[in-house]
Amino acid sequence: MATPSPSSQDTENLLKDFLAFPFHEDRAFLEGLQLLLGQPVVETFQRGGPITPELEQALLGPKIFYYNRQHGTELTPEVVEEYTRMHPQVNPQAGPKSPGTPPFTSLAKTPDEDRQLSLAELTRLIETGQTHLIPHNYTIPDGVQTQAPEPSKVPIKKKPWERTDQEEEQSF
């Protein structure tokens, strides 16, 4: 038995619901997104910071997957992209926008040492030669220690057959 295809009105309502869905508040979605794209992306997305077109494109797949699983729908990225092109006044819900937020340039340009970069961010930084922007990436010197090693101050432990009777009594 074939399932009836939804009417264009149903599809439009479904797309409006999808675009209005509060992904930035859904804990399960944010946890999955953190595993995929990393903590900085999730924090930017969650607080409604500006999002680049590349990041918006990267978010579209997980959003559609999650929405389809939660609502039992069969949206595709092509349908969503076509709808947003045809209806430019409809903007995907990216969280509460705050006025005066600086434009989103690059996630890698923040000097925060404790943040985790996603694999995509690490790859981009390495490919562009900006390894100095990777947190906890320290330069290892080319040479080894130049000082002579100090002799050990711990006495050498004797093997059982090298011990005398007096030493065996002291070890117990």
N, C-alpha and C. Protein backbone atom coordinates (compact mmCIF):
# COMPACT_ATOMS: atom_id res chain seq x y z
N MET A 1 0.84 -1.16 0.00
CA MET A 1 0.00 0.00 0.00
C MET A 1 0.89 1.24 0.00
N ALA A 2 0.73 2.11 -0.96
CA ALA A 2 1.54 3.31 -1.08
C ALA A 2 1.00 4.39 -0.15
N THR A 3 1.92 5.18 0.41
CA THR A 3 1.48 6.26 1.27
C THR A 3 1.14 7.46 0.40
N PRO A 4 0.08 8.16 0.71
CA PRO A 4 -0.28 9.31 -0.10
C PRO A 4 0.74 10.43 0.09
N SER A 5 1.06 11.11 -1.00
CA SER A 5 2.02 12.20 -0.91
C SER A 5 1.32 13.41 -0.31
N PRO A 6 2.03 14.15 0.54
CA PRO A 6 1.40 15.29 1.18
C PRO A 6 1.14 16.40 0.17
N SER A 7 0.08 17.16 0.41
CA SER A 7 -0.25 18.26 -0.49
C SER A 7 0.77 19.37 -0.32
N SER A 8 0.78 20.31 -1.26
CA SER A 8 1.74 21.41 -1.18
C SER A 8 1.47 22.26 0.06
N GLN A 9 0.22 22.38 0.46
CA GLN A 9 -0.12 23.14 1.67
C GLN A 9 0.43 22.43 2.91
N ASP A 10 0.29 21.10 2.95
CA ASP A 10 0.83 20.33 4.07
C ASP A 10 2.35 20.46 4.13
N THR A 11 2.99 20.38 2.96
CA THR A 11 4.44 20.51 2.90
C THR A 11 4.87 21.90 3.36
N GLU A 12 4.15 22.92 2.93
CA GLU A 12 4.49 24.29 3.34
C GLU A 12 4.34 24.45 4.85
N ASN A 13 3.26 23.92 5.42
CA ASN A 13 3.08 23.99 6.87
C ASN A 13 4.17 23.22 7.60
N LEU A 14 4.54 22.07 7.06
CA LEU A 14 5.60 21.26 7.64
C LEU A 14 6.93 22.03 7.63
N LEU A 15 7.22 22.69 6.51
CA LEU A 15 8.46 23.46 6.40
C LEU A 15 8.44 24.66 7.35
N LYS A 16 7.29 25.31 7.49
CA LYS A 16 7.19 26.43 8.43
C LYS A 16 7.43 25.94 9.86
N ASP A 17 6.85 24.79 10.19
CA ASP A 17 7.07 24.21 11.52
C ASP A 17 8.54 23.87 11.73
N PHE A 18 9.16 23.30 10.69
CA PHE A 18 10.58 22.94 10.78
C PHE A 18 11.43 24.19 11.02
N LEU A 19 11.18 25.25 10.25
CA LEU A 19 11.98 26.47 10.37
C LEU A 19 11.72 27.20 11.69
N ALA A 20 10.57 26.99 12.29
CA ALA A 20 10.25 27.63 13.57
C ALA A 20 10.63 26.77 14.77
N PHE A 21 11.06 25.54 14.52
CA PHE A 21 11.39 24.62 15.62
C PHE A 21 12.55 25.19 16.44
N PRO A 22 12.43 25.21 17.79
CA PRO A 22 13.49 25.79 18.63
C PRO A 22 14.65 24.81 18.86
N PHE A 23 15.45 24.58 17.83
CA PHE A 23 16.58 23.66 17.95
C PHE A 23 17.55 24.12 19.03
N HIS A 24 17.72 25.44 19.18
CA HIS A 24 18.69 25.99 20.13
C HIS A 24 18.30 25.73 21.58
N GLU A 25 17.06 25.26 21.83
CA GLU A 25 16.62 24.97 23.19
C GLU A 25 16.47 23.48 23.46
N ASP A 26 16.58 22.65 22.44
CA ASP A 26 16.36 21.21 22.57
C ASP A 26 17.64 20.53 23.04
N ARG A 27 17.63 20.03 24.29
CA ARG A 27 18.85 19.44 24.88
C ARG A 27 19.37 18.24 24.09
N ALA A 28 18.47 17.37 23.68
CA ALA A 28 18.91 16.17 22.95
C ALA A 28 19.58 16.56 21.64
N PHE A 29 19.01 17.53 20.94
CA PHE A 29 19.61 17.99 19.69
C PHE A 29 20.98 18.61 19.94
N LEU A 30 21.08 19.45 20.97
CA LEU A 30 22.34 20.12 21.27
C LEU A 30 23.43 19.14 21.68
N GLU A 31 23.06 18.08 22.41
CA GLU A 31 24.06 17.08 22.79
C GLU A 31 24.59 16.34 21.57
N GLY A 32 23.69 15.98 20.66
CA GLY A 32 24.13 15.32 19.43
C GLY A 32 24.96 16.25 18.56
N LEU A 33 24.56 17.51 18.51
CA LEU A 33 25.29 18.49 17.71
C LEU A 33 26.69 18.71 18.27
N GLN A 34 26.81 18.68 19.59
CA GLN A 34 28.13 18.84 20.20
C GLN A 34 29.06 17.71 19.80
N LEU A 35 28.54 16.50 19.72
CA LEU A 35 29.37 15.37 19.29
C LEU A 35 29.80 15.52 17.84
N LEU A 36 28.93 16.08 17.01
CA LEU A 36 29.23 16.22 15.59
C LEU A 36 30.14 17.40 15.28
N LEU A 37 29.83 18.57 15.85
CA LEU A 37 30.51 19.79 15.44
C LEU A 37 31.37 20.44 16.51
N GLY A 38 31.26 20.00 17.74
CA GLY A 38 32.11 20.55 18.80
C GLY A 38 31.39 21.57 19.67
N GLN A 39 31.93 21.78 20.85
CA GLN A 39 31.33 22.67 21.85
C GLN A 39 31.23 24.12 21.39
N PRO A 40 32.25 24.72 20.76
CA PRO A 40 32.14 26.14 20.38
C PRO A 40 30.98 26.40 19.43
N VAL A 41 30.76 25.49 18.50
CA VAL A 41 29.67 25.65 17.54
C VAL A 41 28.34 25.61 18.28
N VAL A 42 28.21 24.68 19.21
CA VAL A 42 26.96 24.54 19.96
C VAL A 42 26.71 25.78 20.81
N GLU A 43 27.76 26.30 21.45
CA GLU A 43 27.59 27.50 22.27
C GLU A 43 27.16 28.69 21.42
N THR A 44 27.78 28.87 20.26
CA THR A 44 27.40 29.95 19.36
C THR A 44 25.96 29.78 18.91
N PHE A 45 25.61 28.58 18.53
CA PHE A 45 24.25 28.28 18.07
C PHE A 45 23.24 28.48 19.19
N GLN A 46 23.57 28.02 20.38
CA GLN A 46 22.64 28.06 21.50
C GLN A 46 22.36 29.49 21.96
N ARG A 47 23.38 30.33 21.99
CA ARG A 47 23.15 31.70 22.46
C ARG A 47 22.68 32.62 21.33
N GLY A 48 22.52 32.06 20.13
CA GLY A 48 21.97 32.84 19.03
C GLY A 48 22.98 33.75 18.37
N GLY A 49 24.25 33.42 18.50
CA GLY A 49 25.28 34.23 17.86
C GLY A 49 25.19 34.15 16.35
N PRO A 50 25.85 35.05 15.65
CA PRO A 50 25.80 35.04 14.19
C PRO A 50 26.39 33.75 13.63
N ILE A 51 25.80 33.26 12.58
CA ILE A 51 26.21 32.00 11.98
C ILE A 51 26.55 32.23 10.51
N THR A 52 27.69 31.72 10.09
CA THR A 52 28.11 31.86 8.69
C THR A 52 27.25 30.96 7.81
N PRO A 53 27.19 31.25 6.51
CA PRO A 53 26.45 30.37 5.60
C PRO A 53 27.00 28.94 5.61
N GLU A 54 28.32 28.79 5.76
CA GLU A 54 28.91 27.46 5.79
C GLU A 54 28.44 26.69 7.02
N LEU A 55 28.40 27.38 8.16
CA LEU A 55 27.95 26.73 9.38
C LEU A 55 26.46 26.43 9.30
N GLU A 56 25.70 27.34 8.73
CA GLU A 56 24.26 27.09 8.57
C GLU A 56 24.03 25.86 7.70
N GLN A 57 24.85 25.72 6.65
CA GLN A 57 24.74 24.55 5.77
C GLN A 57 25.11 23.28 6.53
N ALA A 58 26.14 23.37 7.39
CA ALA A 58 26.55 22.21 8.19
C ALA A 58 25.49 21.84 9.23
N LEU A 59 24.74 22.82 9.70
CA LEU A 59 23.69 22.57 10.69
C LEU A 59 22.42 22.00 10.06
N LEU A 60 22.22 22.24 8.78
CA LEU A 60 20.97 21.84 8.13
C LEU A 60 20.77 20.32 8.18
N GLY A 61 21.80 19.55 7.87
CA GLY A 61 21.68 18.09 7.88
C GLY A 61 21.27 17.54 9.24
N PRO A 62 22.00 17.90 10.32
CA PRO A 62 21.59 17.41 11.64
C PRO A 62 20.19 17.90 12.05
N LYS A 63 19.85 19.13 11.69
CA LYS A 63 18.51 19.64 12.02
C LYS A 63 17.43 18.79 11.35
N ILE A 64 17.61 18.54 10.06
CA ILE A 64 16.61 17.76 9.32
C ILE A 64 16.53 16.34 9.86
N PHE A 65 17.68 15.73 10.10
CA PHE A 65 17.69 14.37 10.64
C PHE A 65 16.92 14.31 11.96
N TYR A 66 17.25 15.22 12.86
CA TYR A 66 16.62 15.23 14.18
C TYR A 66 15.12 15.50 14.06
N TYR A 67 14.75 16.49 13.26
CA TYR A 67 13.33 16.84 13.10
C TYR A 67 12.55 15.67 12.51
N ASN A 68 13.12 15.03 11.50
CA ASN A 68 12.45 13.88 10.90
C ASN A 68 12.24 12.76 11.91
N ARG A 69 13.24 12.51 12.75
CA ARG A 69 13.12 11.45 13.76
C ARG A 69 12.08 11.81 14.82
N GLN A 70 12.05 13.06 15.22
CA GLN A 70 11.13 13.49 16.28
C GLN A 70 9.68 13.57 15.82
N HIS A 71 9.48 13.97 14.56
CA HIS A 71 8.12 14.22 14.07
C HIS A 71 7.64 13.21 13.04
N GLY A 72 8.47 12.23 12.70
CA GLY A 72 8.06 11.21 11.74
C GLY A 72 7.84 11.76 10.34
N THR A 73 8.61 12.76 9.97
CA THR A 73 8.48 13.37 8.64
C THR A 73 9.59 12.88 7.73
N GLU A 74 9.55 13.30 6.49
CA GLU A 74 10.57 12.91 5.51
C GLU A 74 11.08 14.13 4.75
N LEU A 75 11.46 15.17 5.49
CA LEU A 75 12.03 16.35 4.86
C LEU A 75 13.41 16.02 4.30
N THR A 76 13.79 16.72 3.24
CA THR A 76 15.12 16.56 2.67
C THR A 76 15.79 17.93 2.62
N PRO A 77 17.11 17.97 2.60
CA PRO A 77 17.79 19.27 2.50
C PRO A 77 17.39 20.04 1.24
N GLU A 78 17.17 19.32 0.15
CA GLU A 78 16.80 19.99 -1.10
C GLU A 78 15.47 20.73 -0.96
N VAL A 79 14.49 20.08 -0.32
CA VAL A 79 13.17 20.70 -0.15
C VAL A 79 13.28 21.93 0.74
N VAL A 80 14.04 21.83 1.83
CA VAL A 80 14.19 22.95 2.75
C VAL A 80 14.92 24.10 2.06
N GLU A 81 16.00 23.80 1.34
CA GLU A 81 16.76 24.85 0.65
C GLU A 81 15.90 25.53 -0.41
N GLU A 82 15.13 24.75 -1.15
CA GLU A 82 14.26 25.33 -2.18
C GLU A 82 13.22 26.24 -1.54
N TYR A 83 12.64 25.79 -0.44
CA TYR A 83 11.63 26.60 0.24
C TYR A 83 12.23 27.91 0.75
N THR A 84 13.42 27.85 1.34
CA THR A 84 14.03 29.07 1.87
C THR A 84 14.46 30.01 0.75
N ARG A 85 14.79 29.47 -0.43
CA ARG A 85 15.10 30.33 -1.58
C ARG A 85 13.83 31.01 -2.09
N MET A 86 12.73 30.27 -2.12
CA MET A 86 11.47 30.80 -2.64
C MET A 86 10.83 31.78 -1.64
N HIS A 87 11.11 31.62 -0.37
CA HIS A 87 10.54 32.47 0.68
C HIS A 87 11.68 33.08 1.49
N PRO A 88 12.37 34.08 0.95
CA PRO A 88 13.55 34.61 1.64
C PRO A 88 13.24 35.30 2.97
N GLN A 89 12.01 35.71 3.20
CA GLN A 89 11.68 36.34 4.47
C GLN A 89 11.66 35.34 5.61
N VAL A 90 11.57 34.06 5.28
CA VAL A 90 11.58 33.02 6.30
C VAL A 90 13.03 32.66 6.57
N ASN A 91 13.47 32.94 7.79
CA ASN A 91 14.85 32.62 8.17
C ASN A 91 14.85 31.43 9.10
N PRO A 92 15.79 30.52 8.93
CA PRO A 92 15.87 29.40 9.85
C PRO A 92 16.09 29.89 11.27
N GLN A 93 15.45 29.23 12.20
CA GLN A 93 15.54 29.60 13.60
C GLN A 93 16.91 29.22 14.12
N ALA A 94 17.73 30.19 14.48
CA ALA A 94 19.06 29.92 14.98
C ALA A 94 19.21 30.33 16.43
N GLY A 95 18.14 30.66 17.06
CA GLY A 95 18.23 31.07 18.44
C GLY A 95 17.88 32.53 18.57
N PRO A 96 17.78 33.03 19.77
CA PRO A 96 17.44 34.42 19.96
C PRO A 96 18.58 35.31 19.50
N LYS A 97 18.28 36.23 18.61
CA LYS A 97 19.30 37.14 18.11
C LYS A 97 19.40 38.32 19.06
N SER A 98 20.60 38.71 19.35
CA SER A 98 20.77 39.87 20.21
C SER A 98 21.39 40.98 19.38
N PRO A 99 20.88 42.20 19.52
CA PRO A 99 21.44 43.29 18.75
C PRO A 99 22.84 43.60 19.23
N GLY A 100 23.67 44.03 18.31
CA GLY A 100 25.04 44.40 18.65
C GLY A 100 25.98 43.22 18.73
N THR A 101 25.57 42.07 18.27
CA THR A 101 26.45 40.91 18.28
C THR A 101 27.46 41.09 17.15
N PRO A 102 28.75 40.93 17.42
CA PRO A 102 29.73 41.12 16.36
C PRO A 102 29.58 40.08 15.28
N PRO A 103 29.95 40.41 14.05
CA PRO A 103 29.83 39.43 12.97
C PRO A 103 30.69 38.22 13.25
N PHE A 104 30.19 37.09 12.85
CA PHE A 104 30.85 35.80 13.07
C PHE A 104 31.97 35.67 12.04
N THR A 105 33.20 35.71 12.49
CA THR A 105 34.30 35.62 11.54
C THR A 105 34.83 34.20 11.48
N SER A 106 35.49 33.77 12.52
CA SER A 106 36.03 32.42 12.52
C SER A 106 36.05 31.91 13.95
N LEU A 107 35.68 30.67 14.12
CA LEU A 107 35.69 30.11 15.46
C LEU A 107 37.11 29.97 15.99
N ALA A 108 38.07 29.86 15.11
CA ALA A 108 39.44 29.60 15.52
C ALA A 108 40.15 30.86 16.00
N LYS A 109 39.58 32.04 15.84
CA LYS A 109 40.27 33.27 16.18
C LYS A 109 40.10 33.68 17.63
N THR A 110 39.33 32.95 18.40
CA THR A 110 39.21 33.28 19.81
C THR A 110 40.38 32.64 20.56
N PRO A 111 41.01 33.40 21.46
CA PRO A 111 42.20 32.88 22.13
C PRO A 111 41.90 32.01 23.33
N ASP A 112 40.69 31.53 23.48
CA ASP A 112 40.30 30.73 24.63
C ASP A 112 41.02 29.38 24.59
N GLU A 113 41.81 29.12 25.61
CA GLU A 113 42.61 27.89 25.64
C GLU A 113 41.79 26.66 25.99
N ASP A 114 40.65 26.82 26.67
CA ASP A 114 39.90 25.67 27.15
C ASP A 114 38.85 25.17 26.18
N ARG A 115 38.65 25.80 25.07
CA ARG A 115 37.60 25.37 24.16
C ARG A 115 38.07 24.18 23.32
N GLN A 116 37.11 23.39 22.90
CA GLN A 116 37.41 22.23 22.07
C GLN A 116 37.07 22.56 20.63
N LEU A 117 37.97 22.24 19.73
CA LEU A 117 37.72 22.47 18.32
C LEU A 117 37.14 21.21 17.70
N SER A 118 36.28 21.40 16.73
CA SER A 118 35.76 20.25 16.01
C SER A 118 36.82 19.76 15.03
N LEU A 119 36.62 18.59 14.50
CA LEU A 119 37.57 18.04 13.54
C LEU A 119 37.67 18.93 12.31
N ALA A 120 36.54 19.48 11.87
CA ALA A 120 36.54 20.37 10.71
C ALA A 120 37.37 21.62 10.98
N GLU A 121 37.25 22.19 12.18
CA GLU A 121 38.02 23.38 12.53
C GLU A 121 39.52 23.06 12.58
N LEU A 122 39.86 21.93 13.21
CA LEU A 122 41.27 21.54 13.27
C LEU A 122 41.85 21.35 11.88
N THR A 123 41.10 20.67 11.03
CA THR A 123 41.57 20.43 9.66
C THR A 123 41.80 21.74 8.94
N ARG A 124 40.84 22.67 9.07
CA ARG A 124 40.96 23.95 8.39
C ARG A 124 42.19 24.73 8.88
N LEU A 125 42.42 24.72 10.20
CA LEU A 125 43.57 25.43 10.75
C LEU A 125 44.88 24.81 10.28
N ILE A 126 44.94 23.50 10.24
CA ILE A 126 46.17 22.83 9.80
C ILE A 126 46.41 23.09 8.32
N GLU A 127 45.35 22.99 7.51
CA GLU A 127 45.50 23.19 6.06
C GLU A 127 45.90 24.62 5.72
N THR A 128 45.46 25.60 6.52
CA THR A 128 45.80 26.99 6.24
C THR A 128 47.08 27.42 6.95
N GLY A 129 47.72 26.51 7.66
CA GLY A 129 48.98 26.82 8.32
C GLY A 129 48.83 27.66 9.57
N GLN A 130 47.66 27.70 10.18
CA GLN A 130 47.42 28.50 11.37
C GLN A 130 47.45 27.63 12.63
N THR A 131 48.46 26.80 12.74
CA THR A 131 48.54 25.88 13.87
C THR A 131 48.74 26.61 15.19
N HIS A 132 49.19 27.85 15.16
CA HIS A 132 49.36 28.62 16.40
C HIS A 132 48.01 28.96 17.04
N LEU A 133 46.91 28.83 16.31
CA LEU A 133 45.58 29.12 16.84
C LEU A 133 44.93 27.90 17.48
N ILE A 134 45.57 26.74 17.38
CA ILE A 134 45.02 25.51 17.97
C ILE A 134 45.34 25.51 19.46
N PRO A 135 44.31 25.41 20.32
CA PRO A 135 44.57 25.42 21.76
C PRO A 135 45.45 24.24 22.18
N HIS A 136 46.31 24.49 23.13
CA HIS A 136 47.21 23.48 23.70
C HIS A 136 48.15 22.86 22.67
N ASN A 137 48.44 23.58 21.61
CA ASN A 137 49.37 23.10 20.59
C ASN A 137 50.70 23.80 20.84
N TYR A 138 51.60 23.13 21.50
CA TYR A 138 52.86 23.73 21.88
C TYR A 138 53.97 23.29 20.93
N THR A 139 54.92 24.18 20.71
CA THR A 139 56.05 23.88 19.86
C THR A 139 57.06 23.06 20.67
N ILE A 140 57.43 21.93 20.14
CA ILE A 140 58.41 21.06 20.79
C ILE A 140 59.78 21.42 20.23
N PRO A 141 60.76 21.69 21.10
CA PRO A 141 62.08 22.07 20.60
C PRO A 141 62.72 20.95 19.78
N ASP A 142 63.54 21.35 18.81
CA ASP A 142 64.19 20.38 17.93
C ASP A 142 65.22 19.53 18.68
N GLY A 143 65.95 20.12 19.60
CA GLY A 143 66.99 19.40 20.31
C GLY A 143 66.47 18.67 21.52
N VAL A 144 67.37 17.86 22.10
CA VAL A 144 67.04 17.16 23.33
C VAL A 144 67.78 17.83 24.47
N GLN A 145 67.61 17.32 25.65
CA GLN A 145 68.26 17.92 26.81
C GLN A 145 69.77 17.91 26.61
N THR A 146 70.40 19.05 26.88
CA THR A 146 71.85 19.17 26.66
C THR A 146 72.66 18.89 27.92
N GLN A 147 72.03 18.86 29.07
CA GLN A 147 72.76 18.59 30.31
C GLN A 147 73.05 17.10 30.44
N ALA A 148 74.16 16.80 31.08
CA ALA A 148 74.50 15.40 31.34
C ALA A 148 73.56 14.84 32.41
N PRO A 149 73.15 13.60 32.27
CA PRO A 149 72.25 13.03 33.27
C PRO A 149 72.97 12.84 34.61
N GLU A 150 72.23 12.97 35.69
CA GLU A 150 72.80 12.75 37.02
C GLU A 150 72.72 11.27 37.35
N PRO A 151 73.70 10.75 38.05
CA PRO A 151 73.61 9.35 38.44
C PRO A 151 72.48 9.16 39.46
N SER A 152 71.90 8.00 39.45
CA SER A 152 70.79 7.70 40.34
C SER A 152 71.26 7.65 41.79
N LYS A 153 70.42 8.15 42.68
CA LYS A 153 70.74 8.16 44.11
C LYS A 153 70.11 6.97 44.82
N VAL A 154 69.32 6.21 44.12
CA VAL A 154 68.66 5.04 44.69
C VAL A 154 69.63 3.86 44.60
N PRO A 155 69.82 3.14 45.71
CA PRO A 155 70.74 2.00 45.64
C PRO A 155 70.17 0.91 44.73
N ILE A 156 71.07 0.23 44.07
CA ILE A 156 70.66 -0.84 43.16
C ILE A 156 70.17 -2.02 43.99
N LYS A 157 69.01 -2.52 43.65
CA LYS A 157 68.42 -3.64 44.38
C LYS A 157 69.12 -4.93 43.94
N LYS A 158 69.54 -5.72 44.91
CA LYS A 158 70.24 -6.96 44.59
C LYS A 158 69.25 -8.06 44.27
N LYS A 159 69.68 -8.95 43.41
CA LYS A 159 68.86 -10.10 43.04
C LYS A 159 68.92 -11.12 44.19
N PRO A 160 67.95 -12.01 44.27
CA PRO A 160 67.90 -12.94 45.41
C PRO A 160 69.17 -13.75 45.59
N TRP A 161 69.82 -14.17 44.54
CA TRP A 161 71.02 -14.99 44.69
C TRP A 161 72.26 -14.17 45.03
N GLU A 162 72.12 -12.80 44.98
CA GLU A 162 73.25 -11.95 45.33
C GLU A 162 73.21 -11.50 46.79
N ARG A 163 72.13 -11.77 47.47
CA ARG A 163 71.96 -11.31 48.85
C ARG A 163 72.73 -12.21 49.82
N THR A 164 73.10 -11.59 50.91
CA THR A 164 73.70 -12.36 52.01
C THR A 164 72.61 -12.63 53.03
N ASP A 165 72.92 -13.44 54.02
CA ASP A 165 71.92 -13.79 55.04
C ASP A 165 71.49 -12.56 55.85
N GLN A 166 72.39 -11.65 56.13
CA GLN A 166 72.06 -10.45 56.89
C GLN A 166 71.09 -9.55 56.11
N GLU A 167 71.29 -9.42 54.82
CA GLU A 167 70.43 -8.57 54.00
C GLU A 167 69.02 -9.15 53.88
N GLU A 168 68.90 -10.49 53.87
CA GLU A 168 67.59 -11.13 53.79
C GLU A 168 66.79 -10.87 55.06
N GLU A 169 67.45 -10.86 56.22
CA GLU A 169 66.75 -10.60 57.48
C GLU A 169 66.26 -9.16 57.54
N GLN A 170 66.99 -8.23 56.98
CA GLN A 170 66.61 -6.82 57.01
C GLN A 170 65.44 -6.53 56.06
N SER A 171 65.30 -7.28 55.00
CA SER A 171 64.25 -7.00 54.02
C SER A 171 62.87 -7.40 54.51
N PHE A 172 62.77 -8.26 55.57
CA PHE A 172 61.45 -8.67 56.06
C PHE A 172 60.97 -7.79 57.11
